[in-house]
Amino acid sequence: MRNEYSDRVLSPEETFERVRPLLSGFGIARIARHTGLDRTGIPVWCAYTPNARSIVVAQGKGLTDADAKVSAVMEALERAVAGEPAVETIMATTRALRASGRTADPLPGLIAAGQEEIGPEEELPWVAGSDLISGPEVLVPLAAALLDRTRPSRFWMSSDGLASGNSIQEATLHGLLERIERDAHVLWGVSGPESRYRQCVAPEGFGDAALNSLVERIRAAGLDLRLFDITSDIGIPCFLALLGPSDIAIRDDGRFVDVTSGCGAHVFAVRAAIRAVTEAAQSRLTFMSGARDDVFPETFSRPLPDSTRQAFLAGPCRHAPAAPPAGGDLDALMRHTIDHLKDAGVQSAIVVRLSAEALPFAVVKIFVPDLENPDGERARRFGPRALSKALAF
């Protein structure tokens, strides 16, 4: 299963054995299987970090229990590392860094709502990253990479672009794919409803056994699935999955929590679709378990938006997945992804390593300033790509 559906360099079992001795040191106190709380049987696990600097409960999903368990553990580890990264910092102003010949990006698009952008003479700690597109070192504000909600920040705090892996390259690829996915989701959301619903595809069109098995489980549980191809101009396959009761399209009493969504991006279209579907199943268990500390009571009484209900009226069309690139190793997947970003006019993709090199896993934070960011309390809600897309409808 790992060879066909995963680009990880180790099996989930091997990854778990490598990190298991470190879990308590990073504050992870418990791992739990949540799969049985729902009737779909799609594997979902959780990892608990009681004194976390962000959310306490990390979730993981996958085609197998081993996949889901290690997914939850790695998410908990990456959040723990991002709360207290092992990085060297430089105290300097933007002007001084640039005057010395160094490249610095103050990331104005990630400034939090109500906060001022970094001034050229303002001294602050910077951390070094590398630009996957242009090549040289790039310095970014340390605060933009931190995920520590125990203290205020000038920057919007998010796990967007935060990723982990068995190696730095593995983590970097998945961080890039997440940024591409989030950008595609924003662009899909600001497009007109007719355009959005035309992108509904039939999962059976992939002709994939694992995806078909997920669909069968969902239908056997009395649920309806809608899968939308939200691939952007970047050309990396991206999908959005919506899960809800089989009668949700004709009900007028639906609640927000009745429908859950998931997104996925990958060089291989079927892997992107599987990620979207399993994430939608994971989101159901977020609400059913009540375990996540970032879900508020009012969420459960919110009515279902009519636009979400109407999405289930969309008629799926047969999907013909694009031919995958030659070669499926990490080097080939990375080159393919970066080439597509370049072809779409993306100027910069910065990777900052947050974890100590001695650890048997790597955690990175990816910044792609040209791409759109997910919903959040930022001073700039949308960037040029979303504004251009919205004006076209």
Protein backbone atom coordinates (compact mmCIF):
# COMPACT_ATOMS: atom_id res chain seq x y z
CA MET A 1 0.00 0.00 0.00
CA ARG A 2 2.80 2.43 0.85
CA ASN A 3 4.47 2.13 -2.55
CA GLU A 4 1.28 2.90 -4.47
CA TYR A 5 -0.32 5.58 -2.31
CA SER A 6 2.53 7.22 -0.42
CA ASP A 7 5.69 9.10 -1.27
CA ARG A 8 7.08 8.75 2.26
CA VAL A 9 10.55 7.22 2.40
CA LEU A 10 9.58 4.95 5.29
CA SER A 11 6.46 2.96 6.12
CA PRO A 12 4.16 4.47 8.77
CA GLU A 13 5.17 1.71 11.16
CA GLU A 14 8.86 2.53 10.72
CA THR A 15 8.22 6.24 11.16
CA PHE A 16 6.27 5.65 14.35
CA GLU A 17 9.03 3.49 15.86
CA ARG A 18 11.57 6.24 15.12
CA VAL A 19 9.61 8.98 16.85
CA ARG A 20 7.92 7.02 19.66
CA PRO A 21 10.80 7.48 22.16
CA LEU A 22 10.55 11.26 21.68
CA LEU A 23 6.81 11.73 22.19
CA SER A 24 6.80 12.44 25.92
CA GLY A 25 9.67 14.89 25.51
CA PHE A 26 7.54 16.90 23.12
CA GLY A 27 4.57 16.79 25.49
CA ILE A 28 2.51 14.16 23.68
CA ALA A 29 0.77 12.28 26.46
CA ARG A 30 -1.76 10.07 24.68
CA ILE A 31 -2.68 8.62 21.28
CA ALA A 32 -6.24 7.49 20.63
CA ARG A 33 -8.17 5.78 17.83
CA HIS A 34 -11.34 7.74 17.06
CA THR A 35 -12.44 5.69 14.05
CA GLY A 36 -15.17 3.83 15.91
CA LEU A 37 -17.04 7.01 16.84
CA ASP A 38 -18.34 7.20 13.27
CA ARG A 39 -19.97 4.56 11.10
CA THR A 40 -17.83 5.06 7.99
CA GLY A 41 -14.88 3.11 9.38
CA ILE A 42 -12.41 5.45 7.72
CA PRO A 43 -9.35 5.51 10.03
CA VAL A 44 -8.93 8.63 12.19
CA TRP A 45 -6.55 8.94 15.15
CA CYS A 46 -5.72 11.73 17.60
CA ALA A 47 -2.64 12.73 19.57
CA TYR A 48 -2.98 14.78 22.76
CA THR A 49 -0.49 17.39 23.94
CA PRO A 50 -2.01 18.86 27.15
CA ASN A 51 0.38 21.81 27.51
CA ALA A 52 0.51 22.67 23.80
CA ARG A 53 1.25 26.23 22.72
CA SER A 54 -1.51 25.95 20.11
CA ILE A 55 -4.30 23.36 19.97
CA VAL A 56 -4.10 20.38 22.32
CA VAL A 57 -5.54 17.74 19.99
CA ALA A 58 -3.86 16.85 16.69
CA GLN A 59 -5.68 14.62 14.23
CA GLY A 60 -4.57 12.21 11.56
CA LYS A 61 -6.31 10.25 8.83
CA GLY A 62 -5.39 7.69 6.22
CA LEU A 63 -6.28 4.51 4.40
CA THR A 64 -5.09 2.36 7.32
CA ASP A 65 -4.83 2.66 11.09
CA ALA A 66 -1.06 2.85 10.81
CA ASP A 67 -1.35 5.76 8.36
CA ALA A 68 -3.80 7.64 10.56
CA LYS A 69 -1.88 7.05 13.79
CA VAL A 70 1.43 8.31 12.48
CA SER A 71 -0.34 11.22 10.74
CA ALA A 72 -1.75 12.37 14.09
CA VAL A 73 1.59 11.93 15.86
CA MET A 74 3.53 13.84 13.22
CA GLU A 75 1.03 16.69 13.28
CA ALA A 76 1.40 16.92 17.05
CA LEU A 77 5.19 16.90 16.72
CA GLU A 78 5.25 19.62 14.06
CA ARG A 79 3.04 21.85 16.20
CA ALA A 80 5.24 21.26 19.24
CA VAL A 81 8.36 22.14 17.25
CA ALA A 82 6.73 25.25 15.75
CA GLY A 83 5.93 26.46 19.26
CA GLU A 84 9.59 26.41 20.21
CA PRO A 85 11.71 25.98 17.06
CA ALA A 86 15.39 25.08 17.15
CA VAL A 87 16.59 27.96 14.97
CA GLU A 88 19.29 30.60 15.05
CA THR A 89 18.07 34.18 14.83
CA ILE A 90 19.53 37.49 13.70
CA MET A 91 18.48 40.77 15.32
CA ALA A 92 18.39 43.38 12.59
CA THR A 93 16.25 45.81 10.62
CA THR A 94 15.02 45.14 7.12
CA ARG A 95 17.08 48.05 5.84
CA ALA A 96 20.28 46.81 7.51
CA LEU A 97 19.87 43.30 6.14
CA ARG A 98 19.34 44.54 2.61
CA ALA A 99 22.20 47.02 2.90
CA SER A 100 24.51 44.14 3.82
CA GLY A 101 23.50 42.29 0.65
CA ARG A 102 21.16 39.79 2.28
CA THR A 103 17.64 39.07 1.03
CA ALA A 104 14.87 39.74 3.55
CA ASP A 105 11.12 39.31 3.11
CA PRO A 106 9.02 40.89 5.91
CA LEU A 107 5.95 38.95 4.65
CA PRO A 108 3.40 41.79 4.73
CA GLY A 109 0.64 39.48 3.54
CA LEU A 110 0.79 37.56 6.85
CA ILE A 111 0.45 40.57 9.18
CA ALA A 112 -2.40 40.04 11.65
CA ALA A 113 -5.56 42.13 11.58
CA GLY A 114 -5.12 45.39 13.44
CA GLN A 115 -1.32 45.23 13.30
CA GLU A 116 1.12 47.42 11.38
CA GLU A 117 3.50 46.06 8.76
CA ILE A 118 7.16 45.72 9.66
CA GLY A 119 8.90 49.07 9.14
CA PRO A 120 12.29 49.28 7.40
CA GLU A 121 13.98 50.60 10.57
CA GLU A 122 12.28 48.22 13.00
CA GLU A 123 14.65 45.77 14.66
CA LEU A 124 13.35 42.24 15.17
CA PRO A 125 14.56 38.62 15.13
CA TRP A 126 14.91 37.00 11.71
CA VAL A 127 15.41 33.38 10.74
CA ALA A 128 17.10 32.10 7.59
CA GLY A 129 15.36 30.04 4.96
CA SER A 130 16.12 29.05 1.41
CA ASP A 131 14.19 29.95 -1.72
CA LEU A 132 13.28 26.85 -3.71
CA ILE A 133 12.68 28.95 -6.84
CA SER A 134 15.42 31.57 -6.91
CA GLY A 135 17.95 29.61 -4.88
CA PRO A 136 19.57 32.03 -2.41
CA GLU A 137 19.08 32.44 1.32
CA VAL A 138 16.04 34.47 2.38
CA LEU A 139 15.48 35.86 5.87
CA VAL A 140 11.94 36.04 7.26
CA PRO A 141 10.66 37.30 10.62
CA LEU A 142 10.83 34.59 13.27
CA ALA A 143 7.37 35.56 14.49
CA ALA A 144 5.87 34.55 11.13
CA ALA A 145 7.12 30.98 11.61
CA LEU A 146 6.04 30.57 15.23
CA LEU A 147 2.89 28.75 16.32
CA ASP A 148 2.62 29.89 19.93
CA ARG A 149 -0.80 31.16 20.94
CA THR A 150 0.34 31.77 24.51
CA ARG A 151 1.74 35.15 23.47
CA PRO A 152 0.66 37.97 21.15
CA SER A 153 2.10 38.32 17.67
CA ARG A 154 2.25 40.83 14.86
CA PHE A 155 1.63 37.95 12.50
CA TRP A 156 -1.37 35.76 11.76
CA MET A 157 -0.61 32.46 13.49
CA SER A 158 -1.44 29.41 11.44
CA SER A 159 -0.27 25.88 10.71
CA ASP A 160 -0.63 26.66 6.99
CA GLY A 161 2.58 25.53 5.29
CA LEU A 162 3.77 23.73 8.44
CA ALA A 163 4.82 20.19 7.58
CA SER A 164 6.85 17.27 8.85
CA GLY A 165 8.50 14.22 7.36
CA ASN A 166 11.18 11.60 7.72
CA SER A 167 13.54 13.97 5.90
CA ILE A 168 13.77 17.67 5.11
CA GLN A 169 12.85 17.01 1.48
CA GLU A 170 9.80 14.96 2.41
CA ALA A 171 8.56 17.66 4.77
CA THR A 172 9.23 20.38 2.19
CA LEU A 173 7.22 18.63 -0.52
CA HIS A 174 4.19 18.23 1.72
CA GLY A 175 4.42 21.82 2.94
CA LEU A 176 4.47 23.03 -0.68
CA LEU A 177 1.50 20.85 -1.58
CA GLU A 178 -0.47 22.25 1.35
CA ARG A 179 0.21 25.82 0.26
CA ILE A 180 -0.90 24.97 -3.30
CA GLU A 181 -4.03 23.29 -1.92
CA ARG A 182 -4.97 26.28 0.27
CA ASP A 183 -4.45 28.68 -2.64
CA ALA A 184 -6.64 26.54 -4.91
CA HIS A 185 -9.40 26.37 -2.28
CA VAL A 186 -9.48 30.15 -1.91
CA LEU A 187 -9.64 30.65 -5.69
CA TRP A 188 -12.45 28.09 -5.97
CA GLY A 189 -14.35 29.85 -3.19
CA VAL A 190 -14.24 33.31 -4.79
CA SER A 191 -15.33 32.05 -8.22
CA GLY A 192 -18.98 32.12 -9.23
CA PRO A 193 -21.30 29.33 -7.99
CA GLU A 194 -21.97 27.99 -11.50
CA SER A 195 -18.25 27.66 -12.11
CA ARG A 196 -17.74 25.92 -8.76
CA TYR A 197 -20.50 23.37 -9.26
CA ARG A 198 -19.40 22.52 -12.82
CA GLN A 199 -16.23 21.12 -11.29
CA CYS A 200 -18.04 18.27 -9.53
CA VAL A 201 -16.49 14.94 -10.55
CA ALA A 202 -17.40 11.29 -10.05
CA PRO A 203 -14.79 9.54 -7.87
CA GLU A 204 -15.41 6.30 -9.76
CA GLY A 205 -13.84 7.95 -12.80
CA PHE A 206 -10.39 7.47 -11.30
CA GLY A 207 -10.74 3.71 -11.50
CA ASP A 208 -8.85 3.36 -8.24
CA ALA A 209 -9.54 0.55 -5.77
CA ALA A 210 -8.68 2.50 -2.60
CA LEU A 211 -10.79 5.51 -3.56
CA ASN A 212 -13.68 3.26 -4.58
CA SER A 213 -13.48 1.54 -1.20
CA LEU A 214 -13.77 4.90 0.59
CA VAL A 215 -16.82 5.80 -1.51
CA GLU A 216 -18.46 2.46 -0.71
CA ARG A 217 -17.92 2.98 3.02
CA ILE A 218 -19.42 6.44 2.84
CA ARG A 219 -22.52 5.28 0.97
CA ALA A 220 -22.98 2.29 3.28
CA ALA A 221 -23.01 4.75 6.18
CA GLY A 222 -25.96 6.61 4.61
CA LEU A 223 -23.88 9.60 3.58
CA ASP A 224 -23.52 11.52 0.35
CA LEU A 225 -20.19 12.57 -1.14
CA ARG A 226 -19.49 15.40 -3.54
CA LEU A 227 -15.99 15.69 -4.96
CA PHE A 228 -14.90 18.89 -6.72
CA ASP A 229 -11.83 19.36 -8.89
CA ILE A 230 -10.49 22.70 -7.64
CA THR A 231 -7.14 22.53 -9.44
CA SER A 232 -5.85 26.04 -10.09
CA ASP A 233 -3.70 27.47 -12.87
CA ILE A 234 -0.69 25.97 -11.10
CA GLY A 235 -1.76 22.61 -12.47
CA ILE A 236 -1.07 20.46 -9.40
CA PRO A 237 -4.22 18.33 -8.87
CA CYS A 238 -6.39 19.60 -5.99
CA PHE A 239 -9.75 18.31 -4.81
CA LEU A 240 -12.42 19.34 -2.31
CA ALA A 241 -14.67 16.69 -0.76
CA LEU A 242 -17.99 17.38 0.99
CA LEU A 243 -19.67 14.77 3.19
CA GLY A 244 -23.22 15.02 4.47
CA PRO A 245 -26.44 13.07 5.09
CA SER A 246 -27.96 11.54 1.95
CA ASP A 247 -30.96 13.91 2.16
CA ILE A 248 -29.01 17.08 2.94
CA ALA A 249 -29.76 18.66 -0.46
CA ILE A 250 -33.53 18.70 0.19
CA ARG A 251 -33.54 19.59 3.89
CA ASP A 252 -34.17 23.10 5.15
CA ASP A 253 -33.07 22.40 8.73
CA GLY A 254 -29.46 21.44 8.08
CA ARG A 255 -26.79 22.51 10.53
CA PHE A 256 -23.27 23.66 9.76
CA VAL A 257 -21.85 20.52 11.40
CA ASP A 258 -23.97 18.19 9.24
CA VAL A 259 -21.60 18.74 6.33
CA THR A 260 -17.84 18.44 6.60
CA SER A 261 -15.18 19.18 4.04
CA GLY A 262 -11.66 18.14 3.21
CA CYS A 263 -9.08 19.23 0.67
CA GLY A 264 -6.11 17.46 -0.83
CA ALA A 265 -3.35 18.26 -3.30
CA HIS A 266 -0.78 15.99 -4.84
CA VAL A 267 1.16 15.52 -8.05
CA PHE A 268 -0.84 12.28 -8.52
CA ALA A 269 -4.53 13.14 -8.85
CA VAL A 270 -5.84 10.03 -7.12
CA ARG A 271 -3.72 10.71 -4.03
CA ALA A 272 -5.09 14.26 -3.93
CA ALA A 273 -8.66 12.92 -4.12
CA ILE A 274 -8.02 10.33 -1.39
CA ARG A 275 -6.57 13.03 0.86
CA ALA A 276 -9.65 15.20 0.35
CA VAL A 277 -12.09 12.38 1.15
CA THR A 278 -10.21 11.13 4.22
CA GLU A 279 -9.89 14.69 5.53
CA ALA A 280 -13.65 15.20 5.20
CA ALA A 281 -14.13 12.00 7.22
CA GLN A 282 -11.65 13.31 9.80
CA SER A 283 -13.60 16.56 10.04
CA ARG A 284 -16.78 14.60 10.88
CA LEU A 285 -14.98 13.10 13.86
CA THR A 286 -13.80 16.55 14.91
CA PHE A 287 -17.42 17.43 15.58
CA MET A 288 -18.54 13.99 16.80
CA SER A 289 -15.75 13.61 19.35
CA GLY A 290 -15.90 17.17 20.67
CA ALA A 291 -12.21 16.78 21.43
CA ARG A 292 -10.75 19.70 19.52
CA ASP A 293 -10.22 22.78 21.68
CA ASP A 294 -10.57 25.13 18.70
CA VAL A 295 -14.24 24.24 18.03
CA PHE A 296 -16.62 26.53 19.93
CA PRO A 297 -20.13 25.66 21.20
CA GLU A 298 -21.86 28.06 18.79
CA THR A 299 -20.47 26.02 15.89
CA PHE A 300 -23.01 23.29 16.65
CA SER A 301 -26.02 25.60 16.41
CA ARG A 302 -25.06 27.42 13.20
CA PRO A 303 -27.37 26.80 10.25
CA LEU A 304 -25.98 25.19 7.13
CA PRO A 305 -25.17 27.83 4.50
CA ASP A 306 -27.44 27.47 1.48
CA SER A 307 -24.42 27.49 -0.82
CA THR A 308 -23.15 24.34 0.89
CA ARG A 309 -26.54 22.64 0.57
CA GLN A 310 -26.69 23.50 -3.12
CA ALA A 311 -23.29 21.92 -3.69
CA PHE A 312 -24.96 18.54 -3.16
CA LEU A 313 -27.26 19.26 -6.11
CA ALA A 314 -24.27 19.36 -8.44
CA GLY A 315 -24.23 16.50 -10.93
CA PRO A 316 -20.86 14.71 -11.08
CA CYS A 317 -19.16 14.30 -14.43
CA ARG A 318 -16.68 11.63 -15.35
CA HIS A 319 -13.14 12.63 -14.47
CA ALA A 320 -10.17 11.89 -16.68
CA PRO A 321 -7.09 12.35 -14.48
CA ALA A 322 -4.10 13.98 -16.12
CA ALA A 323 -1.15 11.74 -16.85
CA PRO A 324 1.22 11.71 -13.84
CA PRO A 325 4.85 12.80 -14.26
CA ALA A 326 7.52 10.31 -15.09
CA GLY A 327 9.12 8.97 -11.91
CA GLY A 328 7.56 8.96 -8.49
CA ASP A 329 10.52 9.48 -6.17
CA LEU A 330 10.84 12.57 -4.00
CA ASP A 331 13.30 14.30 -6.32
CA ALA A 332 10.98 13.93 -9.30
CA LEU A 333 7.89 15.04 -7.33
CA MET A 334 9.74 18.07 -5.98
CA ARG A 335 11.03 19.12 -9.40
CA HIS A 336 7.57 18.71 -10.91
CA THR A 337 5.94 20.80 -8.18
CA ILE A 338 8.50 23.61 -8.31
CA ASP A 339 8.39 23.70 -12.12
CA HIS A 340 4.62 24.16 -12.01
CA LEU A 341 4.96 27.00 -9.51
CA LYS A 342 7.51 28.71 -11.75
CA ASP A 343 5.33 28.27 -14.84
CA ALA A 344 2.44 29.93 -12.99
CA GLY A 345 4.59 32.99 -12.27
CA VAL A 346 5.30 32.29 -8.60
CA GLN A 347 8.45 34.21 -7.70
CA SER A 348 9.39 32.76 -4.33
CA ALA A 349 8.88 29.60 -2.24
CA ILE A 350 10.77 29.84 1.05
CA VAL A 351 11.47 26.83 3.27
CA VAL A 352 12.57 27.36 6.88
CA ARG A 353 13.72 24.33 8.87
CA LEU A 354 12.32 24.55 12.41
CA SER A 355 13.53 21.25 13.87
CA ALA A 356 16.98 20.33 15.13
CA GLU A 357 19.02 18.36 12.60
CA ALA A 358 19.76 15.62 15.14
CA LEU A 359 16.10 14.58 15.32
CA PRO A 360 14.91 11.54 13.32
CA PHE A 361 12.28 13.72 11.64
CA ALA A 362 12.16 17.16 10.07
CA VAL A 363 9.70 20.04 10.49
CA VAL A 364 9.55 22.96 8.09
CA LYS A 365 7.51 26.09 7.52
CA ILE A 366 6.81 26.97 3.90
CA PHE A 367 6.11 30.53 2.76
CA VAL A 368 4.86 31.18 -0.79
CA PRO A 369 3.93 34.88 -0.67
CA ASP A 370 2.40 34.93 -4.17
CA LEU A 371 -0.19 32.28 -3.24
CA GLU A 372 -3.45 32.93 -1.42
CA ASN A 373 -3.82 32.08 2.28
CA PRO A 374 -6.82 30.39 3.92
CA ASP A 375 -9.41 32.28 5.91
CA GLY A 376 -7.88 34.02 8.93
CA GLU A 377 -7.59 37.22 10.90
CA ARG A 378 -5.10 38.98 8.66
CA ALA A 379 -4.84 42.63 7.71
CA ARG A 380 -5.00 41.50 4.07
CA ARG A 381 -7.71 38.91 3.59
CA PHE A 382 -7.05 38.37 -0.12
CA GLY A 383 -4.10 38.75 -2.44
CA PRO A 384 -3.91 39.62 -6.15
CA ARG A 385 -4.74 36.09 -7.35
CA ALA A 386 -8.05 35.94 -5.46
CA LEU A 387 -9.01 39.50 -6.34
CA SER A 388 -8.37 38.86 -10.04
CA LYS A 389 -10.38 35.62 -9.88
CA ALA A 390 -13.32 37.29 -8.12
CA LEU A 391 -13.41 40.16 -10.62
CA ALA A 392 -13.67 37.67 -13.47
CA PHE A 393 -17.13 36.56 -12.28
